[in-house]
Amino acid sequence: MSLDSIFENFNTLTALVIGDVMIDSYLWGKVDRISPEAPVPVVSLKERENRLGGAANVALNLKSLGAKTIMCSVVGDDKESKILINMFEDQNIDVRGIIHSKDRPTTIKHRILAGSQHLLRIDAETTKPISEQESDKLINKIKKLALEADVIIFEDYDKGVLTERVISELIDFANQRDIPTVIDPKKRNFWYYKNATLFKPNLKELQEGLGRDIDVKNTDLNNLSESEIAIAVQELAQKMQLKSVLITLSEHGVYIANQNENHKIAAHKREISDVSGAGDTVVSIAGLCMALKLPLKTVAELANLGGGLVCESLGVVPIDKTLFKQEAKKKVTI
């Protein structure tokens, strides 16, 4: 499949995202003085902005890539949830999979910035798991909506929407219907994503999961299968019965493997402004590529390229499909 065909076919896909959604709130200002009340800067507020964050940023990335996107999550029954739903609707993201809870607040992360300097972050949230009743509602709703999906992406931010039961029931359901599942895990639920199609932790999460350091700096590409990263990923895949694994390695690029092949893709040189949200972009691209059944190396190359591109922007932003396609034509060989 050519790159033009890949980017065109993104428009034909439906992706279902399950995970912790939130509002990323940005308060931009200017600092001219120190407070007389305490040794802290006084920020004169100039601008406010709300952005879709957490799993909602994955949905936004998928939409930006051209896919129809269905968001599934649990939010509060509060004014923040109304703001969040309006933001989804403004982006034409399907919210049929979102349920409201009277017992949980909608997560909002307030970031206070002066120019490009990040001064402070304030999180309003809960991280307790959703209740059994909420799990029932969420699982039942997703099972109906999943019948429309070409891929299901689990975006875990450890805020409680994804529980062992939700994860295992929905992966089993997807496997029975041959719908690929793509996972962006966090520590608490790391070992629950058994039998997934593609598991995408970063290096830190892989090391914490396996309980050991893994050297990727001195990986010998001529003997990749004997490298520490390859051995660790093989162990992980066997323990969890994973079909394939994609590890993001920050400045060292990405590593991808299944039972038959493995590849390490170098990072592209970038002017890094902010790495926030890069993992969301990587999992979004990888998810659509898996839905198209692209070769494993192509999945890694495109995901690696897209994740690097969003790091050139300040704050959490979705991928620019036009720019991504232009870059892919220069740097990705099919």
Protein backbone atom coordinates (compact mmCIF):
# COMPACT_ATOMS: atom_id res chain seq x y z
CA MET A 1 0.00 0.00 0.00
CA SER A 2 1.41 3.42 -0.97
CA LEU A 3 1.67 6.32 1.49
CA ASP A 4 -1.06 8.17 -0.42
CA SER A 5 -3.34 5.14 -0.05
CA ILE A 6 -2.55 4.80 3.67
CA PHE A 7 -3.45 8.41 4.41
CA GLU A 8 -6.58 8.15 2.24
CA ASN A 9 -7.67 4.93 3.94
CA PHE A 10 -7.40 6.55 7.39
CA ASN A 11 -10.58 8.41 6.33
CA THR A 12 -12.50 5.14 5.94
CA LEU A 13 -11.84 3.86 9.47
CA THR A 14 -13.83 4.04 12.70
CA ALA A 15 -11.79 4.02 15.91
CA LEU A 16 -13.23 3.49 19.37
CA VAL A 17 -11.24 4.96 22.28
CA ILE A 18 -11.68 3.82 25.90
CA GLY A 19 -9.95 5.62 28.74
CA ASP A 20 -9.57 8.54 31.11
CA VAL A 21 -10.65 11.84 29.55
CA MET A 22 -9.79 15.26 30.93
CA ILE A 23 -9.64 18.96 30.24
CA ASP A 24 -6.18 20.43 29.79
CA SER A 25 -6.62 23.99 31.00
CA TYR A 26 -3.97 26.57 30.11
CA LEU A 27 -3.67 29.90 31.89
CA TRP A 28 -1.20 32.12 30.03
CA GLY A 29 0.20 35.25 31.63
CA LYS A 30 3.14 37.53 32.27
CA VAL A 31 5.39 37.73 35.32
CA ASP A 32 6.71 41.18 36.28
CA ARG A 33 7.11 40.85 40.04
CA ILE A 34 7.33 38.60 43.08
CA SER A 35 4.40 38.45 45.47
CA PRO A 36 4.77 40.43 48.73
CA GLU A 37 2.84 37.62 50.47
CA ALA A 38 5.28 34.80 49.65
CA PRO A 39 8.40 34.28 47.49
CA VAL A 40 6.38 33.28 44.40
CA PRO A 41 5.85 34.98 41.02
CA VAL A 42 2.68 36.97 40.39
CA VAL A 43 1.15 35.97 37.06
CA SER A 44 -0.92 38.63 35.29
CA LEU A 45 -3.47 36.55 33.38
CA LYS A 46 -3.66 37.33 29.66
CA GLU A 47 -5.35 34.30 28.11
CA ARG A 48 -7.24 31.10 28.95
CA GLU A 49 -7.57 28.01 26.82
CA ASN A 50 -9.14 24.57 27.29
CA ARG A 51 -7.92 21.58 25.28
CA LEU A 52 -8.97 17.94 25.11
CA GLY A 53 -6.58 15.92 27.28
CA GLY A 54 -5.78 12.34 28.27
CA ALA A 55 -7.69 9.79 26.21
CA ALA A 56 -9.62 12.71 24.70
CA ASN A 57 -6.39 13.81 23.01
CA VAL A 58 -6.11 10.36 21.44
CA ALA A 59 -9.63 10.81 20.07
CA LEU A 60 -8.66 14.24 18.75
CA ASN A 61 -5.54 12.82 17.06
CA LEU A 62 -7.60 10.08 15.41
CA LYS A 63 -10.09 12.67 14.18
CA SER A 64 -7.23 14.81 12.88
CA LEU A 65 -5.96 11.79 10.94
CA GLY A 66 -9.37 11.46 9.28
CA ALA A 67 -10.95 8.58 11.18
CA LYS A 68 -14.46 8.59 12.59
CA THR A 69 -13.93 8.48 16.36
CA ILE A 70 -16.13 7.20 19.19
CA MET A 71 -15.12 8.24 22.73
CA CYS A 72 -15.95 5.95 25.68
CA SER A 73 -15.31 7.06 29.25
CA VAL A 74 -16.79 8.05 32.62
CA VAL A 75 -16.99 11.74 33.57
CA GLY A 76 -18.60 13.68 36.38
CA ASP A 77 -22.07 15.15 36.52
CA ASP A 78 -20.68 18.68 36.77
CA LYS A 79 -20.08 21.86 34.79
CA GLU A 80 -16.65 20.60 33.67
CA SER A 81 -18.29 17.59 31.99
CA LYS A 82 -20.55 19.93 30.01
CA ILE A 83 -17.49 21.89 28.86
CA LEU A 84 -15.79 18.63 27.88
CA ILE A 85 -18.80 17.29 25.96
CA ASN A 86 -19.10 20.60 24.09
CA MET A 87 -15.42 20.38 23.15
CA PHE A 88 -15.93 16.86 21.78
CA GLU A 89 -18.98 17.97 19.80
CA ASP A 90 -17.09 20.97 18.40
CA GLN A 91 -14.55 18.48 17.01
CA ASN A 92 -17.27 16.16 15.68
CA ILE A 93 -16.18 13.33 18.00
CA ASP A 94 -18.92 10.83 18.85
CA VAL A 95 -19.74 10.90 22.60
CA ARG A 96 -22.28 8.04 22.71
CA GLY A 97 -19.81 6.04 24.84
CA ILE A 98 -19.50 8.60 27.63
CA ILE A 99 -21.45 8.01 30.85
CA HIS A 100 -21.89 10.44 33.75
CA SER A 101 -21.25 9.67 37.41
CA LYS A 102 -22.53 11.64 40.39
CA ASP A 103 -19.67 10.23 42.49
CA ARG A 104 -16.72 11.37 40.34
CA PRO A 105 -15.47 14.80 39.29
CA THR A 106 -14.47 15.44 35.69
CA THR A 107 -10.68 15.58 35.61
CA ILE A 108 -9.18 18.99 34.85
CA LYS A 109 -5.49 19.88 34.81
CA HIS A 110 -4.76 23.59 35.16
CA ARG A 111 -1.37 24.63 33.76
CA ILE A 112 -0.08 28.10 34.58
CA LEU A 113 2.45 29.48 32.13
CA ALA A 114 4.41 32.71 31.70
CA GLY A 115 5.44 32.92 28.06
CA SER A 116 6.85 29.47 27.31
CA GLN A 117 7.77 28.84 30.98
CA HIS A 118 5.60 26.26 32.75
CA LEU A 119 5.26 27.54 36.34
CA LEU A 120 2.70 25.29 38.01
CA ARG A 121 0.11 22.56 37.43
CA ILE A 122 -3.01 22.03 39.57
CA ASP A 123 -4.97 18.76 39.14
CA ALA A 124 -8.62 18.40 40.15
CA GLU A 125 -9.44 14.69 39.91
CA THR A 126 -10.05 11.33 41.50
CA THR A 127 -8.07 8.18 40.75
CA LYS A 128 -10.39 5.68 42.43
CA PRO A 129 -11.69 2.89 40.17
CA ILE A 130 -15.18 3.24 38.76
CA SER A 131 -17.90 1.30 40.59
CA GLU A 132 -19.29 -2.08 39.51
CA GLN A 133 -22.51 -0.38 38.41
CA GLU A 134 -20.55 2.13 36.31
CA SER A 135 -18.44 -0.73 34.90
CA ASP A 136 -21.64 -2.55 33.85
CA LYS A 137 -22.96 0.53 32.05
CA LEU A 138 -19.65 1.26 30.36
CA ILE A 139 -19.00 -2.34 29.23
CA ASN A 140 -22.53 -2.78 27.85
CA LYS A 141 -22.38 0.51 25.99
CA ILE A 142 -18.96 -0.26 24.50
CA LYS A 143 -19.98 -3.74 23.35
CA LYS A 144 -22.76 -2.20 21.25
CA LEU A 145 -20.59 0.61 19.86
CA ALA A 146 -17.60 -1.67 19.19
CA LEU A 147 -19.52 -3.41 16.43
CA GLU A 148 -18.97 -0.23 14.38
CA ALA A 149 -15.22 -0.11 15.08
CA ASP A 150 -12.22 -1.11 12.99
CA VAL A 151 -9.90 -0.77 16.01
CA ILE A 152 -10.28 -0.29 19.78
CA ILE A 153 -7.69 1.83 21.58
CA PHE A 154 -7.29 1.64 25.37
CA GLU A 155 -5.73 4.89 26.63
CA ASP A 156 -4.91 4.47 30.32
CA TYR A 157 -4.05 7.48 32.48
CA ASP A 158 -4.54 5.68 35.83
CA LYS A 159 -7.61 7.75 36.75
CA GLY A 160 -9.89 4.75 37.35
CA VAL A 161 -11.98 4.30 34.20
CA LEU A 162 -9.98 1.28 33.04
CA THR A 163 -10.20 -1.52 35.61
CA GLU A 164 -9.13 -5.16 35.41
CA ARG A 165 -12.69 -6.22 34.67
CA VAL A 166 -13.33 -3.54 32.02
CA ILE A 167 -10.02 -4.35 30.31
CA SER A 168 -10.31 -8.15 30.27
CA GLU A 169 -13.99 -8.29 29.24
CA LEU A 170 -13.52 -5.85 26.37
CA ILE A 171 -10.30 -7.38 25.04
CA ASP A 172 -12.01 -10.80 25.05
CA PHE A 173 -15.03 -9.30 23.28
CA ALA A 174 -12.81 -7.65 20.64
CA ASN A 175 -10.78 -10.81 20.03
CA GLN A 176 -13.94 -12.85 19.52
CA ARG A 177 -14.94 -10.40 16.78
CA ASP A 178 -11.46 -9.97 15.28
CA ILE A 179 -11.27 -6.26 16.17
CA PRO A 180 -7.63 -5.24 16.85
CA THR A 181 -6.93 -3.82 20.32
CA VAL A 182 -4.14 -1.26 20.82
CA ILE A 183 -3.02 -0.42 24.35
CA ASP A 184 -1.29 2.61 25.89
CA PRO A 185 -0.85 1.33 29.48
CA LYS A 186 0.01 2.81 32.85
CA LYS A 187 1.56 1.16 35.88
CA ARG A 188 -1.52 0.18 37.91
CA ASN A 189 -3.16 -1.88 35.14
CA PHE A 190 0.02 -2.86 33.29
CA TRP A 191 -0.40 -6.65 33.59
CA TYR A 192 -4.16 -6.74 32.88
CA TYR A 193 -3.92 -6.21 29.10
CA LYS A 194 -3.38 -9.85 28.22
CA ASN A 195 -4.10 -11.06 24.67
CA ALA A 196 -3.98 -7.54 23.17
CA THR A 197 -3.08 -7.02 19.51
CA LEU A 198 -0.53 -4.24 20.12
CA PHE A 199 0.83 -3.20 23.53
CA LYS A 200 2.58 0.20 23.61
CA PRO A 201 4.35 1.13 26.85
CA ASN A 202 7.25 3.56 26.98
CA LEU A 203 10.68 2.42 28.17
CA LYS A 204 10.09 3.57 31.76
CA GLU A 205 6.82 1.63 31.96
CA LEU A 206 8.46 -1.47 30.49
CA GLN A 207 11.30 -1.28 33.03
CA GLU A 208 8.89 -0.79 35.93
CA GLY A 209 6.67 -3.62 34.69
CA LEU A 210 9.54 -6.10 34.40
CA GLY A 211 11.40 -4.70 37.43
CA ARG A 212 14.75 -4.14 35.75
CA ASP A 213 16.84 -1.61 33.83
CA ILE A 214 17.11 -2.08 30.06
CA ASP A 215 19.98 -0.62 28.04
CA VAL A 216 18.91 0.76 24.65
CA LYS A 217 21.82 3.15 24.03
CA ASN A 218 24.21 0.47 22.80
CA THR A 219 21.78 -1.69 20.84
CA ASP A 220 23.53 -3.53 18.01
CA LEU A 221 21.18 -3.32 15.01
CA ASN A 222 23.09 -6.18 13.33
CA ASN A 223 22.25 -8.43 16.25
CA LEU A 224 18.97 -6.86 17.35
CA SER A 225 17.31 -10.08 18.55
CA GLU A 226 20.03 -10.55 21.19
CA SER A 227 19.73 -6.99 22.56
CA GLU A 228 18.38 -6.24 26.04
CA ILE A 229 15.29 -4.53 24.63
CA ALA A 230 14.46 -7.51 22.37
CA ILE A 231 14.86 -10.03 25.19
CA ALA A 232 12.73 -7.90 27.56
CA VAL A 233 9.97 -7.47 24.98
CA GLN A 234 9.96 -11.18 24.18
CA GLU A 235 9.55 -11.96 27.88
CA LEU A 236 6.72 -9.45 28.19
CA ALA A 237 4.92 -10.78 25.10
CA GLN A 238 5.12 -14.37 26.35
CA LYS A 239 3.86 -13.50 29.83
CA MET A 240 0.91 -11.51 28.48
CA GLN A 241 0.23 -13.46 25.27
CA LEU A 242 0.57 -10.28 23.21
CA LYS A 243 0.48 -10.43 19.43
CA SER A 244 2.87 -7.45 19.05
CA VAL A 245 4.66 -4.87 21.20
CA LEU A 246 5.72 -1.29 20.42
CA ILE A 247 8.07 0.44 22.87
CA THR A 248 8.66 4.20 22.66
CA LEU A 249 12.26 5.04 23.60
CA SER A 250 12.22 8.89 23.66
CA GLU A 251 15.34 10.20 21.88
CA HIS A 252 16.27 6.62 20.91
CA GLY A 253 13.19 6.16 18.68
CA VAL A 254 10.93 3.10 18.90
CA TYR A 255 11.21 -0.68 18.99
CA ILE A 256 8.52 -2.99 17.59
CA ALA A 257 8.27 -6.78 17.57
CA ASN A 258 6.00 -9.77 17.10
CA GLN A 259 6.74 -13.51 16.96
CA ASN A 260 8.24 -13.26 13.48
CA GLU A 261 10.13 -9.96 13.27
CA ASN A 262 11.55 -7.03 15.18
CA HIS A 263 12.73 -3.53 14.23
CA LYS A 264 14.33 -0.56 15.97
CA ILE A 265 13.56 2.78 14.32
CA ALA A 266 15.77 5.79 15.13
CA ALA A 267 14.22 9.08 16.23
CA HIS A 268 14.27 11.98 13.76
CA LYS A 269 16.13 15.15 14.77
CA ARG A 270 13.67 17.73 16.14
CA GLU A 271 13.53 21.09 17.84
CA ILE A 272 11.75 19.81 20.95
CA SER A 273 9.33 22.28 22.55
CA ASP A 274 7.17 19.92 24.62
CA VAL A 275 6.87 16.11 24.76
CA SER A 276 3.34 16.30 26.29
CA GLY A 277 0.88 14.25 24.29
CA ALA A 278 3.46 12.56 22.05
CA GLY A 279 2.44 9.12 23.32
CA ASP A 280 -1.19 9.91 22.46
CA THR A 281 -0.16 10.67 18.88
CA VAL A 282 1.96 7.51 18.64
CA VAL A 283 -0.86 5.22 19.79
CA SER A 284 -3.38 6.96 17.50
CA ILE A 285 -1.23 6.44 14.41
CA ALA A 286 -0.33 2.89 15.43
CA GLY A 287 -4.01 2.10 16.00
CA LEU A 288 -5.07 3.16 12.52
CA CYS A 289 -2.10 1.38 10.97
CA MET A 290 -3.06 -1.84 12.76
CA ALA A 291 -6.64 -1.47 11.53
CA LEU A 292 -5.25 -1.30 7.97
CA LYS A 293 -3.08 -4.38 8.68
CA LEU A 294 0.08 -2.57 7.58
CA PRO A 295 3.52 -4.22 7.88
CA LEU A 296 4.96 -4.00 11.39
CA LYS A 297 7.91 -1.84 10.32
CA THR A 298 5.60 0.65 8.60
CA VAL A 299 3.48 0.90 11.76
CA ALA A 300 6.61 1.76 13.77
CA GLU A 301 8.02 4.22 11.22
CA LEU A 302 4.81 6.21 10.90
CA ALA A 303 4.10 6.23 14.65
CA ASN A 304 7.69 7.27 15.40
CA LEU A 305 7.56 10.11 12.87
CA GLY A 306 4.20 11.44 14.05
CA GLY A 307 5.14 11.31 17.74
CA GLY A 308 8.24 13.38 17.03
CA LEU A 309 6.34 15.97 15.00
CA VAL A 310 3.96 16.97 17.82
CA CYS A 311 6.94 17.54 20.14
CA GLU A 312 7.76 20.66 18.12
CA SER A 313 4.61 22.38 19.45
CA LEU A 314 4.09 23.78 22.95
CA GLY A 315 1.43 21.98 24.98
CA VAL A 316 -0.79 19.06 24.05
CA VAL A 317 -1.74 19.33 20.37
CA PRO A 318 -3.04 16.80 17.81
CA ILE A 319 -1.10 15.75 14.73
CA ASP A 320 -1.38 17.92 11.61
CA LYS A 321 -2.28 15.35 8.91
CA THR A 322 -1.06 17.46 5.97
CA LEU A 323 2.33 18.13 7.56
CA PHE A 324 2.56 14.50 8.69
CA LYS A 325 1.94 13.24 5.16
CA GLN A 326 4.56 15.64 3.73
CA GLU A 327 7.13 14.44 6.28
CA ALA A 328 6.24 10.79 5.70
CA LYS A 329 6.88 11.14 1.98
CA LYS A 330 10.38 12.41 2.76
CA LYS A 331 11.31 10.00 5.53
CA VAL A 332 9.28 6.77 5.31
CA THR A 333 9.96 4.15 2.67
CA ILE A 334 7.13 1.71 1.93
